[in-house]
Amino acid sequence: MFEIKMDDDELKKLYLAEVQKRLDNIELHALLLDSKQLCKMLSLSWPTVEKTFLVDPNFPRMRIGTKWVFNRKEVQEYIDRWSLENRKRLDV
């Protein structure tokens, strides 16, 4: 027979870490991002996102009321193209 002893605080910490991982995974599969999620996805501040991407009329965005939303897949495709173009410019 086995006896397992666990500290309640440690068990709670493990449980909360697993819940957070699952929430992060759900967020990764969301179709639309808000500005805060976009910043997190790009690891950039909102002013940098505005200055770098929102000035481009081809950047995928939609305005719903007063809120900007962004299609995750379209943003990823745009960033992939943007990244390649910028690397090519730097290599020249």
Protein backbone atom coordinates (compact mmCIF):
# COMPACT_ATOMS: atom_id res chain seq x y z
CA MET A 1 0.00 0.00 0.00
CA PHE A 2 1.18 3.51 -0.80
CA GLU A 3 0.70 6.60 1.25
CA ILE A 4 0.94 9.99 -0.47
CA LYS A 5 1.23 13.18 1.50
CA MET A 6 0.96 16.58 -0.14
CA ASP A 7 1.15 20.04 1.25
CA ASP A 8 -2.16 21.85 0.63
CA ASP A 9 -0.38 25.03 -0.46
CA GLU A 10 1.77 23.11 -2.94
CA LEU A 11 -1.28 21.30 -4.32
CA LYS A 12 -3.10 24.61 -4.72
CA LYS A 13 -0.07 26.11 -6.52
CA LEU A 14 0.07 23.14 -8.94
CA TYR A 15 -3.68 23.33 -9.56
CA LEU A 16 -3.60 27.08 -10.27
CA ALA A 17 -0.62 26.70 -12.60
CA GLU A 18 -2.48 24.05 -14.60
CA VAL A 19 -5.62 26.18 -14.77
CA GLN A 20 -3.55 29.13 -16.02
CA LYS A 21 -1.94 26.97 -18.72
CA ARG A 22 -5.37 25.91 -19.95
CA LEU A 23 -6.65 29.50 -19.93
CA ASP A 24 -3.60 30.61 -21.91
CA ASN A 25 -4.27 27.82 -24.41
CA ILE A 26 -7.90 28.91 -24.82
CA GLU A 27 -6.74 32.50 -25.38
CA LEU A 28 -4.31 31.30 -28.06
CA HIS A 29 -7.21 29.85 -30.03
CA ALA A 30 -9.50 32.86 -29.83
CA LEU A 31 -10.50 34.14 -33.25
CA LEU A 32 -10.50 37.84 -32.38
CA LEU A 33 -8.01 39.72 -30.24
CA ASP A 34 -8.52 42.99 -28.45
CA SER A 35 -5.73 45.56 -28.33
CA LYS A 36 -4.34 44.20 -25.07
CA GLN A 37 -4.21 40.64 -26.43
CA LEU A 38 -2.60 41.90 -29.63
CA CYS A 39 0.12 43.64 -27.64
CA LYS A 40 0.70 40.45 -25.67
CA MET A 41 0.85 38.37 -28.87
CA LEU A 42 3.38 40.74 -30.43
CA SER A 43 5.25 41.49 -27.18
CA LEU A 44 4.94 45.20 -27.95
CA SER A 45 3.39 48.20 -26.25
CA TRP A 46 0.23 49.75 -27.69
CA PRO A 47 2.04 52.94 -28.81
CA THR A 48 4.56 50.79 -30.69
CA VAL A 49 1.76 48.77 -32.32
CA GLU A 50 0.03 51.99 -33.37
CA LYS A 51 3.22 53.56 -34.73
CA THR A 52 4.47 50.41 -36.48
CA PHE A 53 1.35 48.65 -37.73
CA LEU A 54 -1.85 50.68 -37.43
CA VAL A 55 -0.48 53.34 -39.78
CA ASP A 56 -0.50 50.67 -42.52
CA PRO A 57 -3.96 50.49 -44.12
CA ASN A 58 -3.27 46.82 -44.94
CA PHE A 59 -2.93 45.84 -41.30
CA PRO A 60 -5.92 43.57 -40.48
CA ARG A 61 -8.16 45.38 -38.04
CA MET A 62 -11.81 46.09 -37.43
CA ARG A 63 -13.46 48.75 -35.37
CA ILE A 64 -16.48 47.61 -33.38
CA GLY A 65 -17.95 50.63 -31.64
CA THR A 66 -15.02 52.28 -29.94
CA LYS A 67 -12.98 49.08 -29.71
CA TRP A 68 -10.34 47.75 -32.09
CA VAL A 69 -10.40 43.99 -32.72
CA PHE A 70 -7.96 41.93 -34.74
CA ASN A 71 -8.34 38.58 -36.49
CA ARG A 72 -5.62 36.39 -34.99
CA LYS A 73 -4.94 34.41 -38.19
CA GLU A 74 -4.82 37.52 -40.40
CA VAL A 75 -2.51 39.28 -37.96
CA GLN A 76 -0.18 36.26 -37.91
CA GLU A 77 -0.09 36.20 -41.72
CA TYR A 78 0.58 39.95 -41.85
CA ILE A 79 3.37 39.72 -39.27
CA ASP A 80 4.97 36.82 -41.15
CA ARG A 81 5.01 38.89 -44.40
CA TRP A 82 6.14 42.05 -42.59
CA SER A 83 8.96 40.16 -40.91
CA LEU A 84 10.21 38.68 -44.19
CA GLU A 85 10.08 42.07 -45.92
CA ASN A 86 11.99 43.77 -43.12
CA ARG A 87 14.65 41.06 -43.09
CA LYS A 88 15.08 41.41 -46.87
CA ARG A 89 15.51 45.18 -46.49
CA LEU A 90 18.15 44.70 -43.81
CA ASP A 91 20.03 42.17 -45.94
CA VAL A 92 20.31 44.56 -48.89
